[in-house]
Amino acid sequence: MSIQQRNILLFLISTYVVIAGSTFFHLYGLTWLLQECANYWHFFIIGIGGAIIANATGAGGGILFIPAFTSMGISQTEAVATSIVIQCFGMTTGAIAWFLSFKKRPAIYRRYEHFMKTTILTAGVASIIGVLVGEYVLSNKLPFSINNIFSILSICFGLIILAISYLKLNRVSPRSQSSLFDMLLCALIGLSGGIITSIISIGVGEVLLMLLFFRNYPIQISIFMAVAISSITVLAAAPYFIYSINSVVWGIVMFAAPAAMIGGILGQKLTARLGATRIKIFCGLWIFLTGIIS
């Protein structure tokens, strides 16, 4: 992270702390504010960890948040709602960090600009539709628990990514041009992933990442697409949980949101340092192990 980026990040976090602290102090008083700090400070650490993993691998931050929140006794609905709102900060910051990193490499940006814009438009619109279907049509009709589907999908995602990584370790000449078939798959994944994300707070980024891995697009481009579509999806999902069912635990968000912004930037930097092959294996192992222990 450059000195300029570090200064900008510190300014944003400091501004957030001052505004949020002043607002809560004015509304609830010093005693309440100190009590909230004592109850929720550790979510700052969870927020950083979740966002780093999410933005380094393309998997949504819920891959860490959901097991952490449910293990602390938070209800499933509150865990999903809070995870989605935190990801609005972390995944959006991460998407911006990824975009700026490619803008600094004009040759790569020009080569993949059309693919990135087309994918974001196609999968992004489809994911918004999927979110609306999941929230307003399917949310009260699920015959299974969130924990069960989270575990099953995480294990499947992890195993598939590990298999793809192993099969493609020696493959060269990644794709740079998308096909109509690819965009149809992106639309389908955006729709189904949006539904899944609205229910368990993860899904669209993981599935899109697997598709782009399988279609042999560059790892960093694939992760950027997964992060960007995840950002669009959670931003579309958040209003339902905030306004319609009012299930967000704001004490957690107060600490985890600024941490997720930090993690969003650090996650992109981590990917650049680790390299493509290590990121693929790390991503698959992390998602698989999360499914096992959740």
C-alpha atoms as a PDB file:
ATOM      1  CA  MET A   1       0.000   0.000   0.000  1.00  0.00           C
ATOM      2  CA  SER A   2       1.431   3.361  -1.043  1.00  0.00           C
ATOM      3  CA  ILE A   3       1.802   6.268   1.364  1.00  0.00           C
ATOM      4  CA  GLN A   4      -0.975   8.121  -0.446  1.00  0.00           C
ATOM      5  CA  GLN A   5      -3.353   5.156  -0.204  1.00  0.00           C
ATOM      6  CA  ARG A   6      -2.491   4.697   3.459  1.00  0.00           C
ATOM      7  CA  ASN A   7      -3.185   8.356   4.201  1.00  0.00           C
ATOM      8  CA  ILE A   8      -6.512   8.239   2.360  1.00  0.00           C
ATOM      9  CA  LEU A   9      -7.540   5.095   4.221  1.00  0.00           C
ATOM     10  CA  LEU A  10      -6.559   6.552   7.597  1.00  0.00           C
ATOM     11  CA  PHE A  11      -8.509   9.708   6.795  1.00  0.00           C
ATOM     12  CA  LEU A  12     -11.626   7.731   5.866  1.00  0.00           C
ATOM     13  CA  ILE A  13     -11.458   5.546   8.956  1.00  0.00           C
ATOM     14  CA  SER A  14     -10.792   8.528  11.231  1.00  0.00           C
ATOM     15  CA  THR A  15     -13.709  10.407   9.694  1.00  0.00           C
ATOM     16  CA  TYR A  16     -15.961   7.388  10.186  1.00  0.00           C
ATOM     17  CA  VAL A  17     -14.941   7.024  13.841  1.00  0.00           C
ATOM     18  CA  VAL A  18     -15.490  10.713  14.570  1.00  0.00           C
ATOM     19  CA  ILE A  19     -18.876  10.924  12.845  1.00  0.00           C
ATOM     20  CA  ALA A  20     -20.181   7.587  14.164  1.00  0.00           C
ATOM     21  CA  GLY A  21     -18.882   8.218  17.682  1.00  0.00           C
ATOM     22  CA  SER A  22     -20.337  11.730  17.809  1.00  0.00           C
ATOM     23  CA  THR A  23     -23.692  10.566  16.464  1.00  0.00           C
ATOM     24  CA  PHE A  24     -24.084   7.681  18.903  1.00  0.00           C
ATOM     25  CA  PHE A  25     -22.843   9.837  21.787  1.00  0.00           C
ATOM     26  CA  HIS A  26     -25.444  12.478  20.968  1.00  0.00           C
ATOM     27  CA  LEU A  27     -28.253   9.920  20.601  1.00  0.00           C
ATOM     28  CA  TYR A  28     -27.522   7.529  23.458  1.00  0.00           C
ATOM     29  CA  GLY A  29     -24.894   9.054  25.741  1.00  0.00           C
ATOM     30  CA  LEU A  30     -21.411   8.079  26.881  1.00  0.00           C
ATOM     31  CA  THR A  31     -22.447   5.093  29.023  1.00  0.00           C
ATOM     32  CA  TRP A  32     -24.203   3.380  26.123  1.00  0.00           C
ATOM     33  CA  LEU A  33     -21.294   4.086  23.782  1.00  0.00           C
ATOM     34  CA  LEU A  34     -18.736   2.607  26.175  1.00  0.00           C
ATOM     35  CA  GLN A  35     -20.933  -0.446  26.728  1.00  0.00           C
ATOM     36  CA  GLU A  36     -21.229  -1.025  22.976  1.00  0.00           C
ATOM     37  CA  CYS A  37     -17.456  -0.750  22.604  1.00  0.00           C
ATOM     38  CA  ALA A  38     -16.970  -3.348  25.331  1.00  0.00           C
ATOM     39  CA  ASN A  39     -19.504  -5.714  23.723  1.00  0.00           C
ATOM     40  CA  TYR A  40     -18.508  -5.459  20.089  1.00  0.00           C
ATOM     41  CA  TRP A  41     -14.864  -4.330  19.743  1.00  0.00           C
ATOM     42  CA  HIS A  42     -13.702  -7.809  18.708  1.00  0.00           C
ATOM     43  CA  PHE A  43     -15.843  -7.625  15.574  1.00  0.00           C
ATOM     44  CA  PHE A  44     -13.300  -5.159  14.242  1.00  0.00           C
ATOM     45  CA  ILE A  45     -10.810  -8.031  14.035  1.00  0.00           C
ATOM     46  CA  ILE A  46     -13.405 -10.362  12.485  1.00  0.00           C
ATOM     47  CA  GLY A  47     -14.273  -7.669   9.947  1.00  0.00           C
ATOM     48  CA  ILE A  48     -10.678  -7.300   8.820  1.00  0.00           C
ATOM     49  CA  GLY A  49     -10.176 -11.057   8.544  1.00  0.00           C
ATOM     50  CA  GLY A  50     -13.383 -11.659   6.643  1.00  0.00           C
ATOM     51  CA  ALA A  51     -12.760  -8.854   4.167  1.00  0.00           C
ATOM     52  CA  ILE A  52      -9.150  -9.877   3.517  1.00  0.00           C
ATOM     53  CA  ILE A  53     -10.213 -13.416   2.698  1.00  0.00           C
ATOM     54  CA  ALA A  54     -13.187 -12.220   0.645  1.00  0.00           C
ATOM     55  CA  ASN A  55     -11.207  -9.809  -1.494  1.00  0.00           C
ATOM     56  CA  ALA A  56      -8.148 -12.030  -1.836  1.00  0.00           C
ATOM     57  CA  THR A  57     -10.154 -15.016  -3.059  1.00  0.00           C
ATOM     58  CA  GLY A  58     -13.375 -13.604  -4.531  1.00  0.00           C
ATOM     59  CA  ALA A  59     -15.475 -15.507  -1.998  1.00  0.00           C
ATOM     60  CA  GLY A  60     -17.965 -13.385  -0.094  1.00  0.00           C
ATOM     61  CA  GLY A  61     -17.090 -12.209   3.400  1.00  0.00           C
ATOM     62  CA  GLY A  62     -19.955 -14.296   4.731  1.00  0.00           C
ATOM     63  CA  ILE A  63     -17.660 -17.298   4.365  1.00  0.00           C
ATOM     64  CA  LEU A  64     -16.175 -16.119   7.689  1.00  0.00           C
ATOM     65  CA  PHE A  65     -18.939 -13.934   9.118  1.00  0.00           C
ATOM     66  CA  ILE A  66     -21.761 -16.502   9.150  1.00  0.00           C
ATOM     67  CA  PRO A  67     -19.903 -19.184  11.182  1.00  0.00           C
ATOM     68  CA  ALA A  68     -18.499 -16.511  13.509  1.00  0.00           C
ATOM     69  CA  PHE A  69     -21.850 -14.829  14.141  1.00  0.00           C
ATOM     70  CA  THR A  70     -23.896 -18.004  14.602  1.00  0.00           C
ATOM     71  CA  SER A  71     -21.299 -19.421  17.003  1.00  0.00           C
ATOM     72  CA  MET A  72     -21.852 -16.340  19.165  1.00  0.00           C
ATOM     73  CA  GLY A  73     -25.573 -17.006  19.510  1.00  0.00           C
ATOM     74  CA  ILE A  74     -26.807 -14.525  16.901  1.00  0.00           C
ATOM     75  CA  SER A  75     -29.928 -15.728  15.085  1.00  0.00           C
ATOM     76  CA  GLN A  76     -29.609 -16.932  11.507  1.00  0.00           C
ATOM     77  CA  THR A  77     -31.605 -14.026  10.101  1.00  0.00           C
ATOM     78  CA  GLU A  78     -29.545 -11.469  12.026  1.00  0.00           C
ATOM     79  CA  ALA A  79     -26.301 -13.187  10.998  1.00  0.00           C
ATOM     80  CA  VAL A  80     -27.202 -13.062   7.300  1.00  0.00           C
ATOM     81  CA  ALA A  81     -28.465  -9.475   7.481  1.00  0.00           C
ATOM     82  CA  THR A  82     -25.431  -8.222   9.386  1.00  0.00           C
ATOM     83  CA  SER A  83     -23.033 -10.107   7.115  1.00  0.00           C
ATOM     84  CA  ILE A  84     -24.607  -8.579   4.010  1.00  0.00           C
ATOM     85  CA  VAL A  85     -24.427  -5.024   5.370  1.00  0.00           C
ATOM     86  CA  ILE A  86     -20.768  -5.450   6.379  1.00  0.00           C
ATOM     87  CA  GLN A  87     -19.971  -6.809   2.934  1.00  0.00           C
ATOM     88  CA  CYS A  88     -21.469  -3.670   1.391  1.00  0.00           C
ATOM     89  CA  PHE A  89     -18.464  -1.850   2.869  1.00  0.00           C
ATOM     90  CA  GLY A  90     -15.790  -4.517   2.392  1.00  0.00           C
ATOM     91  CA  MET A  91     -16.664  -5.865  -1.053  1.00  0.00           C
ATOM     92  CA  THR A  92     -17.302  -2.411  -2.493  1.00  0.00           C
ATOM     93  CA  THR A  93     -13.991  -1.106  -1.170  1.00  0.00           C
ATOM     94  CA  GLY A  94     -12.280  -4.215  -2.494  1.00  0.00           C
ATOM     95  CA  ALA A  95     -13.878  -3.840  -5.929  1.00  0.00           C
ATOM     96  CA  ILE A  96     -12.639  -0.248  -6.125  1.00  0.00           C
ATOM     97  CA  ALA A  97      -9.142  -1.338  -5.033  1.00  0.00           C
ATOM     98  CA  TRP A  98      -9.085  -4.047  -7.699  1.00  0.00           C
ATOM     99  CA  PHE A  99     -10.289  -1.631 -10.377  1.00  0.00           C
ATOM    100  CA  LEU A 100      -7.646   0.957  -9.506  1.00  0.00           C
ATOM    101  CA  SER A 101      -4.937  -1.701  -9.556  1.00  0.00           C
ATOM    102  CA  PHE A 102      -5.866  -2.622 -13.133  1.00  0.00           C
ATOM    103  CA  LYS A 103      -6.061   1.028 -14.183  1.00  0.00           C
ATOM    104  CA  LYS A 104      -2.405   1.320 -13.156  1.00  0.00           C
ATOM    105  CA  ARG A 105      -1.617  -1.457 -15.660  1.00  0.00           C
ATOM    106  CA  PRO A 106      -3.072   0.008 -18.853  1.00  0.00           C
ATOM    107  CA  ALA A 107      -2.013  -2.853 -21.137  1.00  0.00           C
ATOM    108  CA  ILE A 108      -3.882  -5.421 -19.037  1.00  0.00           C
ATOM    109  CA  TYR A 109      -6.819  -3.083 -18.494  1.00  0.00           C
ATOM    110  CA  ARG A 110      -7.269  -2.443 -22.225  1.00  0.00           C
ATOM    111  CA  ARG A 111      -7.000  -6.149 -23.016  1.00  0.00           C
ATOM    112  CA  TYR A 112      -9.742  -7.139 -20.573  1.00  0.00           C
ATOM    113  CA  GLU A 113     -11.804  -3.939 -20.439  1.00  0.00           C
ATOM    114  CA  HIS A 114     -14.601  -5.204 -22.677  1.00  0.00           C
ATOM    115  CA  PHE A 115     -14.760  -8.540 -20.881  1.00  0.00           C
ATOM    116  CA  MET A 116     -14.900  -6.901 -17.456  1.00  0.00           C
ATOM    117  CA  LYS A 117     -17.598  -4.403 -18.415  1.00  0.00           C
ATOM    118  CA  THR A 118     -19.715  -7.029 -20.163  1.00  0.00           C
ATOM    119  CA  THR A 119     -19.432  -9.471 -17.269  1.00  0.00           C
ATOM    120  CA  ILE A 120     -20.284  -6.858 -14.653  1.00  0.00           C
ATOM    121  CA  LEU A 121     -23.323  -5.702 -16.616  1.00  0.00           C
ATOM    122  CA  THR A 122     -24.593  -9.199 -17.441  1.00  0.00           C
ATOM    123  CA  ALA A 123     -23.984 -10.924 -14.115  1.00  0.00           C
ATOM    124  CA  GLY A 124     -24.717  -7.789 -12.082  1.00  0.00           C
ATOM    125  CA  VAL A 125     -28.206  -7.211 -13.485  1.00  0.00           C
ATOM    126  CA  ALA A 126     -29.004 -10.927 -13.203  1.00  0.00           C
ATOM    127  CA  SER A 127     -27.810 -11.014  -9.588  1.00  0.00           C
ATOM    128  CA  ILE A 128     -30.054  -8.086  -8.642  1.00  0.00           C
ATOM    129  CA  ILE A 129     -33.029  -9.951 -10.092  1.00  0.00           C
ATOM    130  CA  GLY A 130     -31.950 -13.055  -8.179  1.00  0.00           C
ATOM    131  CA  VAL A 131     -31.718 -11.096  -4.932  1.00  0.00           C
ATOM    132  CA  LEU A 132     -35.252  -9.767  -5.332  1.00  0.00           C
ATOM    133  CA  VAL A 133     -36.582 -13.251  -6.067  1.00  0.00           C
ATOM    134  CA  GLY A 134     -34.759 -14.708  -3.076  1.00  0.00           C
ATOM    135  CA  GLU A 135     -35.910 -12.026  -0.654  1.00  0.00           C
ATOM    136  CA  TYR A 136     -39.509 -11.478  -1.702  1.00  0.00           C
ATOM    137  CA  VAL A 137     -40.491 -14.884  -3.120  1.00  0.00           C
ATOM    138  CA  LEU A 138     -38.411 -17.643  -1.529  1.00  0.00           C
ATOM    139  CA  SER A 139     -37.252 -16.308   1.853  1.00  0.00           C
ATOM    140  CA  ASN A 140     -40.127 -17.811   3.870  1.00  0.00           C
ATOM    141  CA  LYS A 141     -40.438 -21.051   1.922  1.00  0.00           C
ATOM    142  CA  LEU A 142     -37.158 -22.799   2.671  1.00  0.00           C
ATOM    143  CA  PRO A 143     -37.437 -26.318   4.158  1.00  0.00           C
ATOM    144  CA  PHE A 144     -33.818 -26.358   5.412  1.00  0.00           C
ATOM    145  CA  SER A 145     -31.639 -24.399   7.810  1.00  0.00           C
ATOM    146  CA  ILE A 146     -29.182 -21.757   6.682  1.00  0.00           C
ATOM    147  CA  ASN A 147     -26.327 -23.538   8.450  1.00  0.00           C
ATOM    148  CA  ASN A 148     -26.938 -26.771   6.547  1.00  0.00           C
ATOM    149  CA  ILE A 149     -27.025 -25.199   3.094  1.00  0.00           C
ATOM    150  CA  PHE A 150     -24.038 -23.014   3.994  1.00  0.00           C
ATOM    151  CA  SER A 151     -21.957 -26.049   4.974  1.00  0.00           C
ATOM    152  CA  ILE A 152     -22.947 -28.121   1.937  1.00  0.00           C
ATOM    153  CA  LEU A 153     -22.305 -25.348  -0.572  1.00  0.00           C
ATOM    154  CA  SER A 154     -18.996 -24.372   1.047  1.00  0.00           C
ATOM    155  CA  ILE A 155     -17.702 -27.942   0.916  1.00  0.00           C
ATOM    156  CA  CYS A 156     -18.768 -28.315  -2.715  1.00  0.00           C
ATOM    157  CA  PHE A 157     -17.293 -24.942  -3.704  1.00  0.00           C
ATOM    158  CA  GLY A 158     -13.994 -25.727  -2.002  1.00  0.00           C
ATOM    159  CA  LEU A 159     -13.595 -29.179  -3.532  1.00  0.00           C
ATOM    160  CA  ILE A 160     -14.416 -27.957  -7.029  1.00  0.00           C
ATOM    161  CA  ILE A 161     -11.956 -25.060  -6.834  1.00  0.00           C
ATOM    162  CA  LEU A 162      -9.211 -27.373  -5.544  1.00  0.00           C
ATOM    163  CA  ALA A 163      -9.918 -29.799  -8.385  1.00  0.00           C
ATOM    164  CA  ILE A 164      -9.832 -27.013 -10.969  1.00  0.00           C
ATOM    165  CA  SER A 165      -6.606 -25.655  -9.475  1.00  0.00           C
ATOM    166  CA  TYR A 166      -4.925 -29.043  -9.614  1.00  0.00           C
ATOM    167  CA  LEU A 167      -6.024 -29.731 -13.189  1.00  0.00           C
ATOM    168  CA  LYS A 168      -4.869 -26.321 -14.439  1.00  0.00           C
ATOM    169  CA  LEU A 169      -1.560 -25.818 -12.677  1.00  0.00           C
ATOM    170  CA  ASN A 170       0.383 -26.212 -15.904  1.00  0.00           C
ATOM    171  CA  ARG A 171      -2.062 -24.527 -18.220  1.00  0.00           C
ATOM    172  CA  VAL A 172      -0.906 -21.408 -20.060  1.00  0.00           C
ATOM    173  CA  SER A 173      -2.339 -18.736 -22.366  1.00  0.00           C
ATOM    174  CA  PRO A 174      -5.404 -17.640 -20.388  1.00  0.00           C
ATOM    175  CA  ARG A 175      -8.459 -16.440 -22.267  1.00  0.00           C
ATOM    176  CA  SER A 176      -8.977 -12.756 -22.932  1.00  0.00           C
ATOM    177  CA  GLN A 177     -12.156 -12.713 -25.024  1.00  0.00           C
ATOM    178  CA  SER A 178     -15.557 -13.781 -23.782  1.00  0.00           C
ATOM    179  CA  SER A 179     -18.096 -15.657 -25.860  1.00  0.00           C
ATOM    180  CA  LEU A 180     -21.885 -15.521 -25.968  1.00  0.00           C
ATOM    181  CA  PHE A 181     -21.871 -18.850 -24.140  1.00  0.00           C
ATOM    182  CA  ASP A 182     -19.778 -17.351 -21.336  1.00  0.00           C
ATOM    183  CA  MET A 183     -22.159 -14.423 -20.941  1.00  0.00           C
ATOM    184  CA  LEU A 184     -25.187 -16.714 -20.852  1.00  0.00           C
ATOM    185  CA  LEU A 185     -23.494 -18.691 -18.093  1.00  0.00           C
ATOM    186  CA  CYS A 186     -22.654 -15.464 -16.247  1.00  0.00           C
ATOM    187  CA  ALA A 187     -26.300 -14.404 -16.434  1.00  0.00           C
ATOM    188  CA  LEU A 188     -27.452 -17.786 -15.125  1.00  0.00           C
ATOM    189  CA  ILE A 189     -24.898 -17.714 -12.331  1.00  0.00           C
ATOM    190  CA  GLY A 190     -25.787 -14.134 -11.455  1.00  0.00           C
ATOM    191  CA  LEU A 191     -29.458 -15.079 -11.148  1.00  0.00           C
ATOM    192  CA  SER A 192     -28.943 -18.256  -9.111  1.00  0.00           C
ATOM    193  CA  GLY A 193     -26.081 -16.750  -7.109  1.00  0.00           C
ATOM    194  CA  GLY A 194     -28.175 -13.707  -6.255  1.00  0.00           C
ATOM    195  CA  ILE A 195     -30.883 -15.984  -4.855  1.00  0.00           C
ATOM    196  CA  ILE A 196     -28.367 -17.949  -2.797  1.00  0.00           C
ATOM    197  CA  THR A 197     -26.622 -14.812  -1.521  1.00  0.00           C
ATOM    198  CA  SER A 198     -29.912 -13.277  -0.382  1.00  0.00           C
ATOM    199  CA  ILE A 199     -30.499 -16.395   1.724  1.00  0.00           C
ATOM    200  CA  ILE A 200     -27.048 -17.185   3.200  1.00  0.00           C
ATOM    201  CA  SER A 201     -25.016 -14.019   2.325  1.00  0.00           C
ATOM    202  CA  ILE A 202     -22.561 -15.919   0.101  1.00  0.00           C
ATOM    203  CA  GLY A 203     -22.843 -17.683  -3.231  1.00  0.00           C
ATOM    204  CA  VAL A 204     -22.654 -15.443  -6.260  1.00  0.00           C
ATOM    205  CA  GLY A 205     -18.940 -14.646  -5.963  1.00  0.00           C
ATOM    206  CA  GLU A 206     -17.962 -18.259  -5.347  1.00  0.00           C
ATOM    207  CA  VAL A 207     -19.971 -19.653  -8.267  1.00  0.00           C
ATOM    208  CA  LEU A 208     -18.795 -16.963 -10.683  1.00  0.00           C
ATOM    209  CA  LEU A 209     -15.209 -17.542  -9.576  1.00  0.00           C
ATOM    210  CA  MET A 210     -15.522 -21.251 -10.349  1.00  0.00           C
ATOM    211  CA  LEU A 211     -16.935 -20.530 -13.799  1.00  0.00           C
ATOM    212  CA  LEU A 212     -14.114 -18.153 -14.715  1.00  0.00           C
ATOM    213  CA  PHE A 213     -11.526 -20.595 -13.324  1.00  0.00           C
ATOM    214  CA  PHE A 214     -13.029 -23.354 -15.433  1.00  0.00           C
ATOM    215  CA  ARG A 215     -13.136 -21.159 -18.550  1.00  0.00           C
ATOM    216  CA  ASN A 216      -9.437 -20.326 -18.020  1.00  0.00           C
ATOM    217  CA  TYR A 217      -9.614 -16.584 -17.453  1.00  0.00           C
ATOM    218  CA  PRO A 218      -6.694 -15.028 -15.505  1.00  0.00           C
ATOM    219  CA  ILE A 219      -6.959 -15.535 -11.761  1.00  0.00           C
ATOM    220  CA  GLN A 220      -6.775 -11.856 -10.812  1.00  0.00           C
ATOM    221  CA  ILE A 221      -9.368 -10.873 -13.413  1.00  0.00           C
ATOM    222  CA  SER A 222     -11.605 -13.687 -12.137  1.00  0.00           C
ATOM    223  CA  ILE A 223     -11.272 -12.545  -8.531  1.00  0.00           C
ATOM    224  CA  PHE A 224     -11.998  -8.932  -9.485  1.00  0.00           C
ATOM    225  CA  MET A 225     -15.178 -10.026 -11.281  1.00  0.00           C
ATOM    226  CA  ALA A 226     -16.259 -12.129  -8.305  1.00  0.00           C
ATOM    227  CA  VAL A 227     -15.638  -9.250  -5.887  1.00  0.00           C
ATOM    228  CA  ALA A 228     -17.408  -6.707  -8.112  1.00  0.00           C
ATOM    229  CA  ILE A 229     -20.503  -8.883  -8.623  1.00  0.00           C
ATOM    230  CA  SER A 230     -20.577  -9.715  -4.906  1.00  0.00           C
ATOM    231  CA  SER A 231     -20.539  -5.992  -4.174  1.00  0.00           C
ATOM    232  CA  ILE A 232     -23.443  -5.335  -6.533  1.00  0.00           C
ATOM    233  CA  THR A 233     -25.374  -8.254  -5.057  1.00  0.00           C
ATOM    234  CA  VAL A 234     -25.025  -7.305  -1.388  1.00  0.00           C
ATOM    235  CA  LEU A 235     -25.786  -3.646  -2.140  1.00  0.00           C
ATOM    236  CA  ALA A 236     -29.021  -4.820  -3.773  1.00  0.00           C
ATOM    237  CA  ALA A 237     -29.789  -7.187  -0.882  1.00  0.00           C
ATOM    238  CA  ALA A 238     -29.127  -4.797   2.014  1.00  0.00           C
ATOM    239  CA  PRO A 239     -32.263  -2.575   1.854  1.00  0.00           C
ATOM    240  CA  TYR A 240     -34.552  -5.576   2.470  1.00  0.00           C
ATOM    241  CA  PHE A 241     -32.737  -6.506   5.673  1.00  0.00           C
ATOM    242  CA  ILE A 242     -32.438  -2.898   6.827  1.00  0.00           C
ATOM    243  CA  TYR A 243     -35.923  -1.602   6.102  1.00  0.00           C
ATOM    244  CA  SER A 244     -38.275  -4.534   5.477  1.00  0.00           C
ATOM    245  CA  ILE A 245     -37.365  -6.900   8.304  1.00  0.00           C
ATOM    246  CA  ASN A 246     -35.026  -4.688  10.371  1.00  0.00           C
ATOM    247  CA  SER A 247     -32.712  -7.537  11.380  1.00  0.00           C
ATOM    248  CA  VAL A 248     -29.252  -5.930  11.226  1.00  0.00           C
ATOM    249  CA  VAL A 249     -27.182  -5.927  14.429  1.00  0.00           C
ATOM    250  CA  TRP A 250     -25.857  -2.391  14.162  1.00  0.00           C
ATOM    251  CA  GLY A 251     -23.478  -2.725  17.091  1.00  0.00           C
ATOM    252  CA  ILE A 252     -21.519  -5.292  15.081  1.00  0.00           C
ATOM    253  CA  VAL A 253     -21.680  -3.226  11.909  1.00  0.00           C
ATOM    254  CA  MET A 254     -20.353  -0.181  13.761  1.00  0.00           C
ATOM    255  CA  PHE A 255     -17.038  -1.960  14.364  1.00  0.00           C
ATOM    256  CA  ALA A 256     -16.879  -4.435  11.473  1.00  0.00           C
ATOM    257  CA  ALA A 257     -17.727  -2.014   8.639  1.00  0.00           C
ATOM    258  CA  PRO A 258     -14.603   0.182   8.842  1.00  0.00           C
ATOM    259  CA  ALA A 259     -12.514  -2.950   9.424  1.00  0.00           C
ATOM    260  CA  ALA A 260     -13.996  -4.483   6.275  1.00  0.00           C
ATOM    261  CA  MET A 261     -12.918  -1.409   4.302  1.00  0.00           C
ATOM    262  CA  ILE A 262      -9.350  -1.941   5.484  1.00  0.00           C
ATOM    263  CA  GLY A 263      -9.542  -5.650   4.685  1.00  0.00           C
ATOM    264  CA  GLY A 264     -10.940  -4.885   1.240  1.00  0.00           C
ATOM    265  CA  ILE A 265      -7.764  -3.035   0.328  1.00  0.00           C
ATOM    266  CA  LEU A 266      -5.409  -5.487   2.022  1.00  0.00           C
ATOM    267  CA  GLY A 267      -7.069  -8.460   0.307  1.00  0.00           C
ATOM    268  CA  GLN A 268      -6.256  -7.108  -3.138  1.00  0.00           C
ATOM    269  CA  LYS A 269      -2.652  -6.475  -2.093  1.00  0.00           C
ATOM    270  CA  LEU A 270      -2.362 -10.003  -0.704  1.00  0.00           C
ATOM    271  CA  THR A 271      -3.460 -11.541  -3.984  1.00  0.00           C
ATOM    272  CA  ALA A 272      -0.869  -9.576  -5.937  1.00  0.00           C
ATOM    273  CA  ARG A 273       1.862 -10.882  -3.631  1.00  0.00           C
ATOM    274  CA  LEU A 274       0.845 -14.537  -3.403  1.00  0.00           C
ATOM    275  CA  GLY A 275       0.399 -15.236  -7.111  1.00  0.00           C
ATOM    276  CA  ALA A 276      -2.262 -17.114  -9.059  1.00  0.00           C
ATOM    277  CA  THR A 277      -1.582 -20.725  -8.118  1.00  0.00           C
ATOM    278  CA  ARG A 278      -1.274 -20.106  -4.379  1.00  0.00           C
ATOM    279  CA  ILE A 279      -4.460 -18.043  -4.379  1.00  0.00           C
ATOM    280  CA  LYS A 280      -6.422 -20.801  -6.108  1.00  0.00           C
ATOM    281  CA  ILE A 281      -5.289 -23.403  -3.578  1.00  0.00           C
ATOM    282  CA  PHE A 282      -5.754 -21.067  -0.594  1.00  0.00           C
ATOM    283  CA  CYS A 283      -9.237 -20.140  -1.797  1.00  0.00           C
ATOM    284  CA  GLY A 284     -10.323 -23.756  -2.218  1.00  0.00           C
ATOM    285  CA  LEU A 285      -8.896 -24.897   1.114  1.00  0.00           C
ATOM    286  CA  TRP A 286     -10.413 -22.010   3.048  1.00  0.00           C
ATOM    287  CA  ILE A 287     -13.913 -22.470   1.620  1.00  0.00           C
ATOM    288  CA  PHE A 288     -13.770 -26.255   2.112  1.00  0.00           C
ATOM    289  CA  LEU A 289     -12.589 -26.016   5.739  1.00  0.00           C
ATOM    290  CA  THR A 290     -15.207 -23.358   6.507  1.00  0.00           C
ATOM    291  CA  GLY A 291     -17.907 -25.729   5.333  1.00  0.00           C
ATOM    292  CA  ILE A 292     -16.507 -28.546   7.484  1.00  0.00           C
ATOM    293  CA  ILE A 293     -16.365 -26.587  10.743  1.00  0.00           C
ATOM    294  CA  SER A 294     -19.499 -24.446  10.337  1.00  0.00           C
END
